[in-house]
Amino acid sequence: MNSVNTEEIVEAYLTIRNQRDKILREYEAQDALLKEDLKQLEVTLLSVCNSINVDSIRTKHGTVMRKLNERFFCEDWDNFRKFVLDNEALELFEKRIHQNNFKQFMAENEGDGLPPGVSVMREFGITVRKAS
């Protein structure tokens, strides 16, 4: 006979999860306000750097550094993929497996085993849904 009271465990689980969600929402709301304040201060500091044409400003409280951030975006994946393959420049891609696409590939090629260099980790987890 199992001495664990599943009803009490599920109730405790949901209570803790709900409390964590509440705390997280409160934190995210406060954090969003602070992030906005920081963003406004950064805009002001960037404006100061631009107006006096400097990359850094030293104050007694800290140093402000202006930097150039770059991000690259692909607007035509078919052409970019061809460019990468034509130039043997696979390092331009990130090294990760698209999980859902790979699951679909494995389902379509069931019985072939894993491709070379790929491992799999499987573990059971628990999902708890509150009663409707």
N, C-alpha and C. Protein backbone atom coordinates (compact mmCIF):
# COMPACT_ATOMS: atom_id res chain seq x y z
N MET A 1 0.85 -1.18 0.00
CA MET A 1 0.00 0.00 0.00
C MET A 1 0.88 1.24 0.00
N ASN A 2 0.56 2.19 -0.86
CA ASN A 2 1.32 3.41 -0.97
C ASN A 2 0.86 4.39 0.10
N SER A 3 1.80 4.86 0.94
CA SER A 3 1.43 5.75 2.04
C SER A 3 1.47 7.23 1.63
N VAL A 4 1.80 7.52 0.39
CA VAL A 4 1.87 8.89 -0.09
C VAL A 4 0.46 9.37 -0.42
N ASN A 5 0.10 10.53 0.08
CA ASN A 5 -1.20 11.11 -0.21
C ASN A 5 -1.06 12.00 -1.45
N THR A 6 -1.42 11.45 -2.59
CA THR A 6 -1.25 12.14 -3.85
C THR A 6 -2.08 13.42 -3.91
N GLU A 7 -3.26 13.42 -3.34
CA GLU A 7 -4.11 14.62 -3.32
C GLU A 7 -3.38 15.78 -2.64
N GLU A 8 -2.77 15.53 -1.50
CA GLU A 8 -2.07 16.58 -0.77
C GLU A 8 -0.82 17.05 -1.53
N ILE A 9 -0.13 16.12 -2.17
CA ILE A 9 1.08 16.47 -2.91
C ILE A 9 0.73 17.35 -4.11
N VAL A 10 -0.34 16.98 -4.84
CA VAL A 10 -0.75 17.78 -6.00
C VAL A 10 -1.21 19.16 -5.54
N GLU A 11 -1.95 19.22 -4.44
CA GLU A 11 -2.40 20.52 -3.92
C GLU A 11 -1.20 21.38 -3.54
N ALA A 12 -0.23 20.80 -2.85
CA ALA A 12 0.97 21.55 -2.47
C ALA A 12 1.75 22.00 -3.70
N TYR A 13 1.86 21.13 -4.68
CA TYR A 13 2.58 21.44 -5.91
C TYR A 13 1.95 22.66 -6.58
N LEU A 14 0.62 22.63 -6.74
CA LEU A 14 -0.07 23.74 -7.40
C LEU A 14 0.01 25.02 -6.58
N THR A 15 -0.05 24.93 -5.26
CA THR A 15 0.07 26.10 -4.41
C THR A 15 1.43 26.76 -4.58
N ILE A 16 2.48 25.95 -4.57
CA ILE A 16 3.84 26.48 -4.73
C ILE A 16 4.02 27.07 -6.13
N ARG A 17 3.54 26.36 -7.14
CA ARG A 17 3.68 26.86 -8.51
C ARG A 17 2.95 28.19 -8.68
N ASN A 18 1.74 28.31 -8.11
CA ASN A 18 0.99 29.56 -8.20
C ASN A 18 1.71 30.70 -7.47
N GLN A 19 2.28 30.39 -6.32
CA GLN A 19 3.02 31.42 -5.57
C GLN A 19 4.24 31.87 -6.34
N ARG A 20 4.95 30.93 -6.97
CA ARG A 20 6.12 31.29 -7.79
C ARG A 20 5.70 32.16 -8.96
N ASP A 21 4.58 31.82 -9.61
CA ASP A 21 4.08 32.62 -10.73
C ASP A 21 3.75 34.04 -10.28
N LYS A 22 3.12 34.17 -9.11
CA LYS A 22 2.75 35.48 -8.58
C LYS A 22 4.01 36.30 -8.30
N ILE A 23 5.00 35.69 -7.65
CA ILE A 23 6.25 36.39 -7.34
C ILE A 23 6.96 36.80 -8.63
N LEU A 24 6.97 35.90 -9.60
CA LEU A 24 7.62 36.19 -10.87
C LEU A 24 6.95 37.36 -11.59
N ARG A 25 5.62 37.38 -11.62
CA ARG A 25 4.90 38.48 -12.27
C ARG A 25 5.22 39.81 -11.58
N GLU A 26 5.25 39.80 -10.24
CA GLU A 26 5.57 41.02 -9.50
C GLU A 26 7.00 41.48 -9.82
N TYR A 27 7.93 40.54 -9.81
CA TYR A 27 9.32 40.86 -10.13
C TYR A 27 9.43 41.43 -11.54
N GLU A 28 8.79 40.76 -12.52
CA GLU A 28 8.89 41.21 -13.91
C GLU A 28 8.31 42.60 -14.10
N ALA A 29 7.23 42.92 -13.38
CA ALA A 29 6.63 44.26 -13.48
C ALA A 29 7.60 45.31 -12.93
N GLN A 30 8.20 45.03 -11.76
CA GLN A 30 9.16 45.97 -11.18
C GLN A 30 10.41 46.07 -12.05
N ASP A 31 10.88 44.93 -12.56
CA ASP A 31 12.07 44.91 -13.40
C ASP A 31 11.86 45.69 -14.69
N ALA A 32 10.68 45.60 -15.26
CA ALA A 32 10.38 46.33 -16.50
C ALA A 32 10.47 47.84 -16.26
N LEU A 33 10.00 48.31 -15.12
CA LEU A 33 10.10 49.73 -14.80
C LEU A 33 11.56 50.16 -14.66
N LEU A 34 12.34 49.34 -13.96
CA LEU A 34 13.76 49.67 -13.78
C LEU A 34 14.51 49.63 -15.11
N LYS A 35 14.19 48.66 -15.96
CA LYS A 35 14.82 48.58 -17.28
C LYS A 35 14.51 49.83 -18.11
N GLU A 36 13.29 50.30 -18.02
CA GLU A 36 12.90 51.51 -18.76
C GLU A 36 13.67 52.72 -18.24
N ASP A 37 13.81 52.82 -16.91
CA ASP A 37 14.60 53.92 -16.33
C ASP A 37 16.04 53.86 -16.83
N LEU A 38 16.64 52.66 -16.83
CA LEU A 38 18.01 52.51 -17.31
C LEU A 38 18.13 52.89 -18.78
N LYS A 39 17.14 52.48 -19.56
CA LYS A 39 17.16 52.79 -21.00
C LYS A 39 17.16 54.30 -21.23
N GLN A 40 16.33 55.00 -20.48
CA GLN A 40 16.27 56.46 -20.62
C GLN A 40 17.61 57.10 -20.24
N LEU A 41 18.24 56.59 -19.18
CA LEU A 41 19.53 57.12 -18.78
C LEU A 41 20.60 56.81 -19.83
N GLU A 42 20.54 55.62 -20.43
CA GLU A 42 21.49 55.25 -21.49
C GLU A 42 21.33 56.18 -22.70
N VAL A 43 20.09 56.50 -23.06
CA VAL A 43 19.85 57.42 -24.18
C VAL A 43 20.47 58.78 -23.88
N THR A 44 20.30 59.24 -22.66
CA THR A 44 20.87 60.53 -22.28
C THR A 44 22.39 60.48 -22.33
N LEU A 45 22.99 59.41 -21.78
CA LEU A 45 24.44 59.30 -21.79
C LEU A 45 25.00 59.17 -23.21
N LEU A 46 24.30 58.43 -24.07
CA LEU A 46 24.73 58.30 -25.46
C LEU A 46 24.67 59.67 -26.15
N SER A 47 23.64 60.43 -25.85
CA SER A 47 23.52 61.78 -26.42
C SER A 47 24.68 62.66 -25.98
N VAL A 48 25.08 62.55 -24.71
CA VAL A 48 26.23 63.32 -24.21
C VAL A 48 27.49 62.91 -24.95
N CYS A 49 27.74 61.59 -25.08
CA CYS A 49 28.92 61.10 -25.79
C CYS A 49 28.93 61.60 -27.23
N ASN A 50 27.78 61.53 -27.88
CA ASN A 50 27.68 61.98 -29.28
C ASN A 50 27.93 63.48 -29.40
N SER A 51 27.38 64.25 -28.48
CA SER A 51 27.48 65.71 -28.59
C SER A 51 28.90 66.20 -28.39
N ILE A 52 29.69 65.50 -27.55
CA ILE A 52 31.08 65.92 -27.36
C ILE A 52 32.06 65.01 -28.10
N ASN A 53 31.51 64.06 -28.88
CA ASN A 53 32.28 63.17 -29.75
C ASN A 53 33.39 62.42 -29.00
N VAL A 54 32.98 61.69 -27.95
CA VAL A 54 33.94 60.86 -27.20
C VAL A 54 33.37 59.45 -27.07
N ASP A 55 34.28 58.48 -26.86
CA ASP A 55 33.86 57.10 -26.66
C ASP A 55 33.79 56.71 -25.20
N SER A 56 34.30 57.56 -24.31
CA SER A 56 34.21 57.26 -22.88
C SER A 56 34.23 58.56 -22.08
N ILE A 57 33.59 58.48 -20.93
CA ILE A 57 33.56 59.60 -19.99
C ILE A 57 33.80 59.00 -18.60
N ARG A 58 34.83 59.50 -17.93
CA ARG A 58 35.13 59.02 -16.57
C ARG A 58 34.51 59.98 -15.57
N THR A 59 33.78 59.42 -14.61
CA THR A 59 33.24 60.22 -13.51
C THR A 59 33.72 59.60 -12.20
N LYS A 60 33.47 60.27 -11.10
CA LYS A 60 33.89 59.71 -9.81
C LYS A 60 33.05 58.47 -9.45
N HIS A 61 31.90 58.30 -10.10
CA HIS A 61 31.02 57.16 -9.81
C HIS A 61 31.23 55.98 -10.76
N GLY A 62 31.86 56.24 -11.90
CA GLY A 62 32.06 55.17 -12.86
C GLY A 62 32.40 55.73 -14.23
N THR A 63 32.65 54.84 -15.17
CA THR A 63 33.03 55.24 -16.52
C THR A 63 31.94 54.86 -17.50
N VAL A 64 31.59 55.80 -18.36
CA VAL A 64 30.61 55.57 -19.43
C VAL A 64 31.40 55.24 -20.69
N MET A 65 31.03 54.15 -21.37
CA MET A 65 31.71 53.78 -22.61
C MET A 65 30.69 53.65 -23.73
N ARG A 66 30.95 54.34 -24.81
CA ARG A 66 30.10 54.23 -26.00
C ARG A 66 30.67 53.10 -26.86
N LYS A 67 29.80 52.22 -27.31
CA LYS A 67 30.26 51.11 -28.14
C LYS A 67 29.29 50.90 -29.28
N LEU A 68 29.80 50.31 -30.35
CA LEU A 68 28.98 50.00 -31.51
C LEU A 68 28.56 48.53 -31.43
N ASN A 69 27.27 48.27 -31.40
CA ASN A 69 26.76 46.90 -31.40
C ASN A 69 26.32 46.54 -32.81
N GLU A 70 26.66 45.34 -33.25
CA GLU A 70 26.25 44.87 -34.57
C GLU A 70 25.52 43.55 -34.43
N ARG A 71 24.44 43.41 -35.17
CA ARG A 71 23.71 42.15 -35.27
C ARG A 71 23.39 41.95 -36.75
N PHE A 72 23.51 40.74 -37.19
CA PHE A 72 23.27 40.43 -38.59
C PHE A 72 21.99 39.62 -38.73
N PHE A 73 21.21 39.93 -39.76
CA PHE A 73 19.93 39.28 -39.99
C PHE A 73 19.90 38.74 -41.41
N CYS A 74 19.23 37.63 -41.57
CA CYS A 74 19.09 37.05 -42.90
C CYS A 74 17.67 37.29 -43.39
N GLU A 75 17.57 37.85 -44.57
CA GLU A 75 16.26 38.12 -45.17
C GLU A 75 15.93 37.14 -46.29
N ASP A 76 16.91 36.34 -46.71
CA ASP A 76 16.70 35.37 -47.78
C ASP A 76 17.50 34.11 -47.46
N TRP A 77 16.89 33.20 -46.70
CA TRP A 77 17.60 32.01 -46.22
C TRP A 77 18.04 31.10 -47.36
N ASP A 78 17.26 30.99 -48.41
CA ASP A 78 17.66 30.12 -49.52
C ASP A 78 18.96 30.60 -50.16
N ASN A 79 19.06 31.90 -50.43
CA ASN A 79 20.29 32.43 -51.01
C ASN A 79 21.45 32.37 -50.04
N PHE A 80 21.19 32.65 -48.76
CA PHE A 80 22.27 32.60 -47.78
C PHE A 80 22.79 31.17 -47.61
N ARG A 81 21.88 30.20 -47.56
CA ARG A 81 22.28 28.80 -47.44
C ARG A 81 23.15 28.40 -48.63
N LYS A 82 22.76 28.81 -49.84
CA LYS A 82 23.56 28.52 -51.03
C LYS A 82 24.93 29.17 -50.92
N PHE A 83 24.97 30.42 -50.48
CA PHE A 83 26.25 31.12 -50.29
C PHE A 83 27.15 30.37 -49.32
N VAL A 84 26.58 29.94 -48.19
CA VAL A 84 27.37 29.22 -47.17
C VAL A 84 27.91 27.92 -47.75
N LEU A 85 27.08 27.18 -48.46
CA LEU A 85 27.53 25.91 -49.04
C LEU A 85 28.55 26.13 -50.15
N ASP A 86 28.31 27.11 -51.02
CA ASP A 86 29.24 27.40 -52.11
C ASP A 86 30.61 27.82 -51.59
N ASN A 87 30.62 28.52 -50.46
CA ASN A 87 31.87 29.01 -49.89
C ASN A 87 32.42 28.12 -48.78
N GLU A 88 31.78 26.97 -48.59
CA GLU A 88 32.19 26.04 -47.52
C GLU A 88 32.40 26.80 -46.21
N ALA A 89 31.44 27.64 -45.86
CA ALA A 89 31.55 28.49 -44.68
C ALA A 89 30.50 28.11 -43.63
N LEU A 90 30.47 26.83 -43.29
CA LEU A 90 29.47 26.35 -42.33
C LEU A 90 29.59 27.02 -40.96
N GLU A 91 30.76 27.61 -40.67
CA GLU A 91 30.95 28.29 -39.39
C GLU A 91 30.07 29.54 -39.26
N LEU A 92 29.42 29.95 -40.36
CA LEU A 92 28.51 31.08 -40.29
C LEU A 92 27.17 30.69 -39.64
N PHE A 93 26.94 29.40 -39.50
CA PHE A 93 25.74 28.93 -38.80
C PHE A 93 26.06 28.69 -37.34
N GLU A 94 25.04 28.73 -36.48
CA GLU A 94 25.23 28.37 -35.08
C GLU A 94 25.24 26.86 -34.96
N LYS A 95 25.96 26.37 -33.97
CA LYS A 95 26.08 24.93 -33.78
C LYS A 95 25.04 24.43 -32.78
N ARG A 96 23.87 24.17 -33.30
CA ARG A 96 22.82 23.57 -32.47
C ARG A 96 21.84 22.87 -33.39
N ILE A 97 21.11 21.95 -32.82
CA ILE A 97 20.14 21.18 -33.58
C ILE A 97 18.75 21.76 -33.30
N HIS A 98 17.99 22.00 -34.35
CA HIS A 98 16.60 22.45 -34.19
C HIS A 98 15.81 21.25 -33.68
N GLN A 99 15.38 21.30 -32.43
CA GLN A 99 14.80 20.14 -31.77
C GLN A 99 13.56 19.60 -32.47
N ASN A 100 12.60 20.45 -32.80
CA ASN A 100 11.36 19.96 -33.42
C ASN A 100 11.61 19.40 -34.82
N ASN A 101 12.45 20.09 -35.61
CA ASN A 101 12.75 19.58 -36.95
C ASN A 101 13.49 18.25 -36.87
N PHE A 102 14.39 18.12 -35.89
CA PHE A 102 15.13 16.88 -35.77
C PHE A 102 14.22 15.73 -35.33
N LYS A 103 13.29 16.01 -34.42
CA LYS A 103 12.32 14.98 -34.01
C LYS A 103 11.51 14.51 -35.22
N GLN A 104 11.09 15.45 -36.05
CA GLN A 104 10.32 15.10 -37.24
C GLN A 104 11.19 14.27 -38.19
N PHE A 105 12.45 14.67 -38.39
CA PHE A 105 13.36 13.92 -39.25
C PHE A 105 13.52 12.49 -38.74
N MET A 106 13.70 12.35 -37.42
CA MET A 106 13.88 11.01 -36.84
C MET A 106 12.61 10.18 -37.01
N ALA A 107 11.45 10.79 -36.88
CA ALA A 107 10.19 10.07 -37.05
C ALA A 107 10.05 9.60 -38.50
N GLU A 108 10.47 10.43 -39.45
CA GLU A 108 10.37 10.08 -40.86
C GLU A 108 11.42 9.05 -41.27
N ASN A 109 12.48 8.93 -40.50
CA ASN A 109 13.56 7.99 -40.80
C ASN A 109 13.72 6.97 -39.68
N GLU A 110 12.59 6.58 -39.13
CA GLU A 110 12.57 5.62 -38.01
C GLU A 110 13.28 4.33 -38.42
N GLY A 111 14.11 3.86 -37.54
CA GLY A 111 14.82 2.62 -37.81
C GLY A 111 16.21 2.84 -38.37
N ASP A 112 16.52 4.06 -38.83
CA ASP A 112 17.85 4.34 -39.38
C ASP A 112 18.86 4.66 -38.29
N GLY A 113 18.39 4.90 -37.08
CA GLY A 113 19.29 5.27 -35.99
C GLY A 113 19.67 6.74 -36.07
N LEU A 114 20.46 7.16 -35.10
CA LEU A 114 20.90 8.55 -35.05
C LEU A 114 21.99 8.81 -36.08
N PRO A 115 22.00 10.00 -36.66
CA PRO A 115 23.09 10.36 -37.56
C PRO A 115 24.42 10.38 -36.80
N PRO A 116 25.54 10.27 -37.49
CA PRO A 116 26.84 10.31 -36.83
C PRO A 116 27.04 11.60 -36.05
N GLY A 117 27.61 11.49 -34.86
CA GLY A 117 27.91 12.66 -34.04
C GLY A 117 26.76 13.18 -33.22
N VAL A 118 25.61 12.52 -33.27
CA VAL A 118 24.44 12.99 -32.53
C VAL A 118 24.12 12.00 -31.42
N SER A 119 23.86 12.52 -30.23
CA SER A 119 23.43 11.70 -29.10
C SER A 119 22.04 12.16 -28.68
N VAL A 120 21.40 11.36 -27.89
CA VAL A 120 20.07 11.73 -27.39
C VAL A 120 20.03 11.50 -25.89
N MET A 121 19.35 12.39 -25.18
CA MET A 121 19.11 12.21 -23.76
C MET A 121 17.60 12.21 -23.57
N ARG A 122 17.11 11.19 -22.94
CA ARG A 122 15.67 11.10 -22.66
C ARG A 122 15.48 10.91 -21.17
N GLU A 123 14.51 11.62 -20.63
CA GLU A 123 14.18 11.45 -19.21
C GLU A 123 12.70 11.76 -19.02
N PHE A 124 12.10 11.08 -18.07
CA PHE A 124 10.71 11.35 -17.76
C PHE A 124 10.61 12.61 -16.92
N GLY A 125 9.55 13.36 -17.12
CA GLY A 125 9.26 14.54 -16.32
C GLY A 125 7.81 14.48 -15.88
N ILE A 126 7.40 15.43 -15.11
CA ILE A 126 6.04 15.49 -14.58
C ILE A 126 5.40 16.80 -15.01
N THR A 127 4.16 16.74 -15.44
CA THR A 127 3.35 17.91 -15.71
C THR A 127 2.13 17.83 -14.81
N VAL A 128 1.82 18.93 -14.12
CA VAL A 128 0.64 18.94 -13.26
C VAL A 128 -0.28 20.02 -13.77
N ARG A 129 -1.52 19.64 -14.04
CA ARG A 129 -2.55 20.59 -14.47
C ARG A 129 -3.60 20.68 -13.38
N LYS A 130 -4.05 21.91 -13.15
CA LYS A 130 -5.09 22.05 -12.14
C LYS A 130 -6.41 21.55 -12.69
N ALA A 131 -7.26 21.11 -11.80
CA ALA A 131 -8.57 20.57 -12.18
C ALA A 131 -9.42 21.67 -12.80
N SER A 132 -10.25 21.30 -13.78
CA SER A 132 -11.10 22.30 -14.41
C SER A 132 -12.42 22.41 -13.71
